[in-house]
N, C-alpha and C. Protein backbone atom coordinates (compact mmCIF):
# COMPACT_ATOMS: atom_id res chain seq x y z
N MET A 1 86.88 7.02 16.79
CA MET A 1 87.01 7.63 18.12
C MET A 1 86.16 8.88 18.16
N LYS A 2 85.36 8.95 19.20
CA LYS A 2 84.47 10.10 19.35
C LYS A 2 84.75 10.92 20.60
N THR A 3 85.30 10.27 21.65
CA THR A 3 85.50 10.97 22.92
C THR A 3 86.90 10.71 23.45
N LEU A 4 87.63 11.80 23.68
CA LEU A 4 88.96 11.72 24.26
C LEU A 4 88.89 12.29 25.67
N LEU A 5 89.41 11.55 26.64
CA LEU A 5 89.46 12.02 28.02
C LEU A 5 90.89 12.44 28.31
N VAL A 6 91.06 13.68 28.74
CA VAL A 6 92.38 14.21 29.05
C VAL A 6 92.45 14.48 30.55
N ALA A 7 93.38 13.83 31.22
CA ALA A 7 93.63 14.09 32.64
C ALA A 7 94.50 15.34 32.73
N HIS A 8 94.10 16.28 33.56
CA HIS A 8 94.82 17.56 33.63
C HIS A 8 95.05 17.94 35.08
N ASP A 9 96.31 18.25 35.42
CA ASP A 9 96.60 18.67 36.79
C ASP A 9 97.20 20.07 36.85
N PHE A 10 96.91 20.86 35.81
CA PHE A 10 97.26 22.28 35.76
C PHE A 10 98.76 22.56 35.68
N ASP A 11 99.51 21.66 35.09
CA ASP A 11 100.93 21.93 34.88
C ASP A 11 101.23 21.90 33.38
N GLU A 12 102.48 22.22 33.02
CA GLU A 12 102.86 22.30 31.61
C GLU A 12 102.73 20.95 30.90
N THR A 13 103.03 19.88 31.59
CA THR A 13 102.93 18.56 30.98
C THR A 13 101.48 18.25 30.62
N SER A 14 100.56 18.62 31.49
CA SER A 14 99.14 18.42 31.20
C SER A 14 98.71 19.29 30.02
N ASP A 15 99.25 20.50 29.94
CA ASP A 15 98.94 21.36 28.79
C ASP A 15 99.41 20.72 27.49
N ARG A 16 100.59 20.11 27.52
CA ARG A 16 101.10 19.42 26.32
C ARG A 16 100.19 18.25 25.95
N ALA A 17 99.75 17.50 26.95
CA ALA A 17 98.85 16.37 26.69
C ALA A 17 97.54 16.88 26.11
N LEU A 18 97.03 17.97 26.64
CA LEU A 18 95.78 18.53 26.13
C LEU A 18 95.95 19.01 24.69
N ASP A 19 97.07 19.63 24.39
CA ASP A 19 97.33 20.08 23.01
C ASP A 19 97.38 18.89 22.05
N GLN A 20 98.01 17.79 22.48
CA GLN A 20 98.05 16.58 21.66
C GLN A 20 96.64 16.03 21.44
N ALA A 21 95.84 16.04 22.49
CA ALA A 21 94.47 15.54 22.39
C ALA A 21 93.65 16.42 21.44
N ILE A 22 93.85 17.71 21.50
CA ILE A 22 93.13 18.63 20.61
C ILE A 22 93.49 18.35 19.16
N ASP A 23 94.77 18.17 18.89
CA ASP A 23 95.19 17.84 17.51
C ASP A 23 94.55 16.53 17.04
N LEU A 24 94.54 15.54 17.92
CA LEU A 24 93.95 14.25 17.58
C LEU A 24 92.43 14.38 17.38
N ALA A 25 91.79 15.12 18.26
CA ALA A 25 90.33 15.32 18.16
C ALA A 25 89.96 16.03 16.86
N ARG A 26 90.76 16.98 16.48
CA ARG A 26 90.51 17.72 15.23
C ARG A 26 90.56 16.77 14.03
N LYS A 27 91.53 15.88 14.02
CA LYS A 27 91.68 14.94 12.91
C LYS A 27 90.57 13.90 12.88
N LEU A 28 90.06 13.55 14.07
CA LEU A 28 89.06 12.49 14.17
C LEU A 28 87.63 13.01 14.25
N GLY A 29 87.48 14.32 14.43
CA GLY A 29 86.14 14.87 14.64
C GLY A 29 85.57 14.48 15.99
N ALA A 30 86.43 14.36 16.98
CA ALA A 30 86.03 13.90 18.31
C ALA A 30 85.89 15.07 19.28
N SER A 31 85.25 14.81 20.41
CA SER A 31 85.15 15.80 21.48
C SER A 31 86.23 15.51 22.52
N VAL A 32 86.53 16.54 23.31
CA VAL A 32 87.56 16.44 24.34
C VAL A 32 86.93 16.73 25.69
N LYS A 33 87.09 15.79 26.60
CA LYS A 33 86.63 15.98 27.97
C LYS A 33 87.89 16.10 28.83
N VAL A 34 87.97 17.20 29.57
CA VAL A 34 89.14 17.49 30.39
C VAL A 34 88.77 17.22 31.85
N LEU A 35 89.49 16.30 32.46
CA LEU A 35 89.22 15.87 33.83
C LEU A 35 90.33 16.34 34.76
N HIS A 36 89.90 16.99 35.85
CA HIS A 36 90.84 17.28 36.93
C HIS A 36 90.34 16.56 38.18
N VAL A 37 91.24 15.83 38.80
CA VAL A 37 90.92 15.13 40.04
C VAL A 37 91.70 15.79 41.17
N TYR A 38 90.99 16.19 42.19
CA TYR A 38 91.64 16.79 43.35
C TYR A 38 91.36 15.93 44.58
N SER A 39 92.16 16.13 45.59
CA SER A 39 91.92 15.41 46.83
C SER A 39 91.89 16.41 47.97
N VAL A 40 91.13 16.08 48.99
CA VAL A 40 91.08 16.88 50.20
C VAL A 40 91.99 16.18 51.19
N PRO A 41 93.08 16.84 51.58
CA PRO A 41 94.07 16.15 52.42
C PRO A 41 93.55 15.88 53.83
N ILE A 42 93.85 14.69 54.29
CA ILE A 42 93.57 14.30 55.67
C ILE A 42 94.91 13.85 56.26
N TYR A 43 95.24 14.39 57.39
CA TYR A 43 96.53 14.08 58.01
C TYR A 43 96.31 13.27 59.28
N ALA A 44 96.96 12.12 59.35
CA ALA A 44 96.91 11.28 60.55
C ALA A 44 98.24 11.40 61.27
N PHE A 45 98.18 11.48 62.58
CA PHE A 45 99.38 11.62 63.39
C PHE A 45 99.61 10.33 64.17
N PRO A 46 100.89 10.04 64.50
CA PRO A 46 101.24 8.77 65.15
C PRO A 46 100.46 8.48 66.43
N GLU A 47 100.12 9.50 67.19
CA GLU A 47 99.43 9.23 68.45
C GLU A 47 97.94 8.93 68.28
N GLY A 48 97.49 8.88 67.03
CA GLY A 48 96.11 8.49 66.78
C GLY A 48 95.18 9.64 66.43
N SER A 49 95.63 10.87 66.58
CA SER A 49 94.77 11.99 66.21
C SER A 49 94.89 12.25 64.70
N ALA A 50 94.00 13.06 64.19
CA ALA A 50 94.02 13.35 62.76
C ALA A 50 93.48 14.75 62.52
N TYR A 51 93.89 15.32 61.41
CA TYR A 51 93.32 16.59 60.95
C TYR A 51 92.42 16.27 59.77
N ILE A 52 91.17 16.60 59.89
CA ILE A 52 90.21 16.43 58.81
C ILE A 52 89.70 17.82 58.47
N PRO A 53 89.89 18.26 57.22
CA PRO A 53 89.46 19.60 56.85
C PRO A 53 87.95 19.77 57.02
N SER A 54 87.58 20.99 57.30
CA SER A 54 86.16 21.31 57.44
C SER A 54 85.48 21.29 56.07
N ALA A 55 84.18 21.31 56.08
CA ALA A 55 83.42 21.38 54.84
C ALA A 55 83.77 22.66 54.08
N ALA A 56 84.02 23.74 54.81
CA ALA A 56 84.40 25.00 54.16
C ALA A 56 85.76 24.87 53.48
N ASP A 57 86.70 24.20 54.13
CA ASP A 57 88.02 23.97 53.52
C ASP A 57 87.88 23.13 52.26
N ALA A 58 87.09 22.07 52.33
CA ALA A 58 86.88 21.20 51.17
C ALA A 58 86.23 21.97 50.03
N ALA A 59 85.27 22.81 50.36
CA ALA A 59 84.59 23.61 49.33
C ALA A 59 85.56 24.61 48.70
N GLN A 60 86.45 25.16 49.50
CA GLN A 60 87.44 26.11 48.98
C GLN A 60 88.39 25.41 48.00
N ILE A 61 88.81 24.20 48.31
CA ILE A 61 89.67 23.43 47.41
C ILE A 61 88.93 23.14 46.11
N ALA A 62 87.68 22.71 46.21
CA ALA A 62 86.88 22.41 45.02
C ALA A 62 86.66 23.66 44.17
N ASP A 63 86.38 24.79 44.81
CA ASP A 63 86.17 26.04 44.07
C ASP A 63 87.42 26.47 43.33
N ALA A 64 88.58 26.37 43.98
CA ALA A 64 89.84 26.74 43.33
C ALA A 64 90.12 25.81 42.15
N ALA A 65 89.88 24.53 42.32
CA ALA A 65 90.09 23.58 41.23
C ALA A 65 89.16 23.89 40.06
N GLN A 66 87.91 24.21 40.36
CA GLN A 66 86.95 24.54 39.30
C GLN A 66 87.37 25.80 38.54
N ARG A 67 87.85 26.81 39.26
CA ARG A 67 88.32 28.04 38.60
C ARG A 67 89.47 27.74 37.64
N HIS A 68 90.42 26.92 38.09
CA HIS A 68 91.56 26.57 37.23
C HIS A 68 91.09 25.77 36.01
N LEU A 69 90.19 24.84 36.22
CA LEU A 69 89.66 24.05 35.11
C LEU A 69 88.91 24.94 34.12
N ASP A 70 88.11 25.86 34.63
CA ASP A 70 87.38 26.79 33.75
C ASP A 70 88.35 27.62 32.92
N HIS A 71 89.45 28.04 33.53
CA HIS A 71 90.46 28.83 32.80
C HIS A 71 91.09 28.01 31.67
N VAL A 72 91.45 26.77 31.98
CA VAL A 72 92.03 25.88 30.96
C VAL A 72 91.05 25.72 29.80
N LEU A 73 89.79 25.48 30.11
CA LEU A 73 88.78 25.28 29.06
C LEU A 73 88.55 26.56 28.26
N LYS A 74 88.50 27.69 28.94
CA LYS A 74 88.26 28.96 28.25
C LYS A 74 89.36 29.25 27.23
N THR A 75 90.62 29.05 27.61
CA THR A 75 91.71 29.34 26.68
C THR A 75 91.71 28.35 25.51
N ARG A 76 91.41 27.09 25.77
CA ARG A 76 91.40 26.10 24.68
C ARG A 76 90.21 26.30 23.75
N ARG A 77 89.06 26.65 24.32
CA ARG A 77 87.88 26.92 23.47
C ARG A 77 88.14 28.10 22.54
N ALA A 78 88.79 29.12 23.07
CA ALA A 78 89.07 30.31 22.25
C ALA A 78 90.03 29.96 21.12
N ALA A 79 91.01 29.11 21.39
CA ALA A 79 92.01 28.74 20.38
C ALA A 79 91.51 27.66 19.43
N SER A 80 90.52 26.88 19.84
CA SER A 80 90.03 25.76 19.03
C SER A 80 88.50 25.72 19.04
N PRO A 81 87.86 26.71 18.40
CA PRO A 81 86.39 26.76 18.43
C PRO A 81 85.73 25.60 17.68
N ASP A 82 86.50 24.87 16.88
CA ASP A 82 85.95 23.74 16.14
C ASP A 82 85.86 22.46 16.97
N ILE A 83 86.37 22.48 18.18
CA ILE A 83 86.38 21.30 19.06
C ILE A 83 85.35 21.50 20.17
N THR A 84 84.64 20.45 20.50
CA THR A 84 83.71 20.48 21.64
C THR A 84 84.46 20.04 22.88
N PHE A 85 84.44 20.89 23.90
CA PHE A 85 85.11 20.62 25.16
C PHE A 85 84.10 20.49 26.29
N GLU A 86 84.44 19.67 27.26
CA GLU A 86 83.67 19.59 28.50
C GLU A 86 84.64 19.41 29.64
N GLY A 87 84.40 20.10 30.73
CA GLY A 87 85.23 19.96 31.91
C GLY A 87 84.59 19.03 32.92
N LEU A 88 85.39 18.20 33.54
CA LEU A 88 84.92 17.28 34.58
C LEU A 88 85.80 17.48 35.80
N LEU A 89 85.20 17.67 36.94
CA LEU A 89 85.92 17.85 38.18
C LEU A 89 85.47 16.78 39.16
N ARG A 90 86.42 16.04 39.69
CA ARG A 90 86.11 14.96 40.61
C ARG A 90 87.07 15.00 41.80
N ALA A 91 86.60 14.54 42.93
CA ALA A 91 87.44 14.39 44.11
C ALA A 91 87.74 12.92 44.30
N GLY A 92 88.96 12.61 44.69
CA GLY A 92 89.29 11.22 44.96
C GLY A 92 90.74 10.91 44.66
N MET A 93 91.01 9.62 44.51
CA MET A 93 92.34 9.13 44.16
C MET A 93 92.50 9.30 42.65
N THR A 94 93.54 9.97 42.24
CA THR A 94 93.66 10.42 40.86
C THR A 94 93.55 9.30 39.84
N ALA A 95 94.40 8.31 39.90
CA ALA A 95 94.40 7.25 38.88
C ALA A 95 93.07 6.51 38.86
N GLU A 96 92.55 6.23 40.04
CA GLU A 96 91.28 5.52 40.15
C GLU A 96 90.14 6.32 39.51
N GLU A 97 90.10 7.62 39.77
CA GLU A 97 89.04 8.47 39.21
C GLU A 97 89.17 8.62 37.70
N ILE A 98 90.40 8.69 37.21
CA ILE A 98 90.60 8.79 35.76
C ILE A 98 90.02 7.56 35.07
N CYS A 99 90.35 6.39 35.58
CA CYS A 99 89.84 5.14 34.99
C CYS A 99 88.32 5.06 35.11
N LYS A 100 87.80 5.44 36.26
CA LYS A 100 86.35 5.41 36.49
C LYS A 100 85.63 6.35 35.54
N GLN A 101 86.13 7.56 35.38
CA GLN A 101 85.49 8.53 34.49
C GLN A 101 85.57 8.08 33.04
N ALA A 102 86.69 7.49 32.65
CA ALA A 102 86.83 6.99 31.28
C ALA A 102 85.74 5.97 30.99
N ASP A 103 85.47 5.10 31.95
CA ASP A 103 84.41 4.11 31.78
C ASP A 103 83.04 4.78 31.73
N GLU A 104 82.80 5.72 32.65
CA GLU A 104 81.48 6.35 32.75
C GLU A 104 81.11 7.16 31.51
N ILE A 105 82.09 7.82 30.90
CA ILE A 105 81.78 8.64 29.73
C ILE A 105 82.01 7.88 28.43
N ASP A 106 82.39 6.63 28.55
CA ASP A 106 82.66 5.78 27.39
C ASP A 106 83.75 6.40 26.50
N ALA A 107 84.83 6.82 27.14
CA ALA A 107 85.95 7.42 26.41
C ALA A 107 86.60 6.38 25.50
N ASP A 108 87.03 6.83 24.35
CA ASP A 108 87.72 5.94 23.42
C ASP A 108 89.21 5.85 23.72
N ILE A 109 89.75 6.89 24.35
CA ILE A 109 91.17 6.93 24.69
C ILE A 109 91.36 7.90 25.85
N ILE A 110 92.37 7.64 26.66
CA ILE A 110 92.76 8.52 27.74
C ILE A 110 94.10 9.15 27.34
N VAL A 111 94.19 10.46 27.47
CA VAL A 111 95.44 11.16 27.19
C VAL A 111 95.92 11.75 28.51
N ILE A 112 97.18 11.46 28.85
CA ILE A 112 97.71 11.87 30.14
C ILE A 112 99.16 12.28 29.99
N GLY A 113 99.55 13.31 30.71
CA GLY A 113 100.94 13.74 30.72
C GLY A 113 101.74 12.91 31.71
N THR A 114 103.00 12.74 31.39
CA THR A 114 103.90 12.04 32.31
C THR A 114 105.17 12.85 32.43
N HIS A 115 105.69 12.88 33.63
CA HIS A 115 106.88 13.69 33.89
C HIS A 115 108.17 12.97 33.53
N GLY A 116 108.07 11.73 33.15
CA GLY A 116 109.25 11.00 32.70
C GLY A 116 110.28 10.77 33.79
N ARG A 117 109.82 10.57 35.02
CA ARG A 117 110.76 10.27 36.10
C ARG A 117 111.42 8.92 35.83
N GLY A 118 112.60 8.76 36.33
CA GLY A 118 113.31 7.49 36.18
C GLY A 118 112.75 6.45 37.13
N ALA A 119 113.37 5.29 37.14
CA ALA A 119 112.90 4.17 37.95
C ALA A 119 112.87 4.52 39.44
N ILE A 120 113.86 5.25 39.91
CA ILE A 120 113.90 5.60 41.33
C ILE A 120 112.75 6.55 41.66
N GLY A 121 112.52 7.54 40.81
CA GLY A 121 111.42 8.48 41.04
C GLY A 121 110.07 7.79 41.05
N ARG A 122 109.89 6.85 40.13
CA ARG A 122 108.61 6.10 40.11
C ARG A 122 108.47 5.24 41.36
N ALA A 123 109.58 4.64 41.80
CA ALA A 123 109.53 3.77 42.98
C ALA A 123 109.19 4.58 44.23
N ILE A 124 109.73 5.79 44.33
CA ILE A 124 109.49 6.62 45.51
C ILE A 124 108.14 7.31 45.44
N LEU A 125 107.86 7.93 44.31
CA LEU A 125 106.67 8.76 44.18
C LEU A 125 105.50 8.04 43.53
N GLY A 126 105.77 6.97 42.81
CA GLY A 126 104.72 6.34 42.03
C GLY A 126 104.45 7.17 40.80
N SER A 127 103.58 6.72 39.96
CA SER A 127 103.25 7.45 38.75
C SER A 127 101.77 7.26 38.45
N VAL A 128 101.06 8.37 38.44
CA VAL A 128 99.64 8.30 38.11
C VAL A 128 99.48 7.75 36.71
N ALA A 129 100.29 8.24 35.78
CA ALA A 129 100.20 7.77 34.39
C ALA A 129 100.42 6.26 34.33
N GLN A 130 101.40 5.78 35.06
CA GLN A 130 101.69 4.34 35.05
C GLN A 130 100.52 3.54 35.63
N GLN A 131 99.91 4.03 36.69
CA GLN A 131 98.75 3.35 37.28
C GLN A 131 97.58 3.33 36.31
N VAL A 132 97.36 4.45 35.62
CA VAL A 132 96.27 4.52 34.65
C VAL A 132 96.54 3.53 33.52
N MET A 133 97.78 3.48 33.03
CA MET A 133 98.11 2.54 31.95
C MET A 133 97.86 1.10 32.37
N ARG A 134 98.13 0.78 33.62
CA ARG A 134 97.94 -0.57 34.12
C ARG A 134 96.47 -0.96 34.29
N HIS A 135 95.63 0.01 34.67
CA HIS A 135 94.27 -0.33 35.07
C HIS A 135 93.17 0.11 34.11
N ALA A 136 93.46 0.99 33.19
CA ALA A 136 92.42 1.49 32.29
C ALA A 136 92.01 0.43 31.28
N ARG A 137 90.76 0.44 30.94
CA ARG A 137 90.24 -0.46 29.90
C ARG A 137 90.45 0.12 28.52
N GLN A 138 90.70 1.42 28.46
CA GLN A 138 90.88 2.12 27.20
C GLN A 138 92.38 2.23 26.89
N PRO A 139 92.70 2.47 25.62
CA PRO A 139 94.10 2.78 25.30
C PRO A 139 94.49 4.09 26.00
N VAL A 140 95.76 4.21 26.35
CA VAL A 140 96.26 5.39 27.02
C VAL A 140 97.41 5.98 26.20
N LEU A 141 97.28 7.25 25.87
CA LEU A 141 98.35 7.98 25.19
C LEU A 141 99.05 8.81 26.24
N SER A 142 100.32 8.51 26.49
CA SER A 142 101.07 9.30 27.47
C SER A 142 101.95 10.29 26.73
N VAL A 143 101.94 11.52 27.22
CA VAL A 143 102.69 12.61 26.60
C VAL A 143 103.74 13.05 27.60
N ARG A 144 105.00 12.96 27.19
CA ARG A 144 106.10 13.32 28.09
C ARG A 144 106.25 14.82 28.20
N SER A 145 106.81 15.25 29.34
CA SER A 145 107.12 16.65 29.52
C SER A 145 108.23 17.05 28.57
N ALA A 146 108.34 18.33 28.32
CA ALA A 146 109.34 18.83 27.36
C ALA A 146 110.75 18.59 27.81
């Protein structure tokens, strides 16, 4: 294994997944690519109208996501100078983009945090981790929240 892709959404569970990936990368001599996928919300209303954010709004969302990703990478690089890190920022549907990026970078494994919701929570909210596990061509390591 040479490349680990870590999906990160800036929460504690993602931090745990990233820490697991770093430990694994250290043992394997692999690099870690940290991916954050954001979406620009579009709201449709019953009467047929919709709110579509302006280009400035979309740019503001992307800039904030990039700042958070840079912070995550900066702290991990400082703590693990022996690991090569790269940040990837993409817009789109989260699970779909994770699988797409894993293919594009030829990742050997995807590491993703999961909140461990029960069956009802998954049925109502869905699970990005579950979708990635179903559709990814690579093995997926899911890391549960504490």
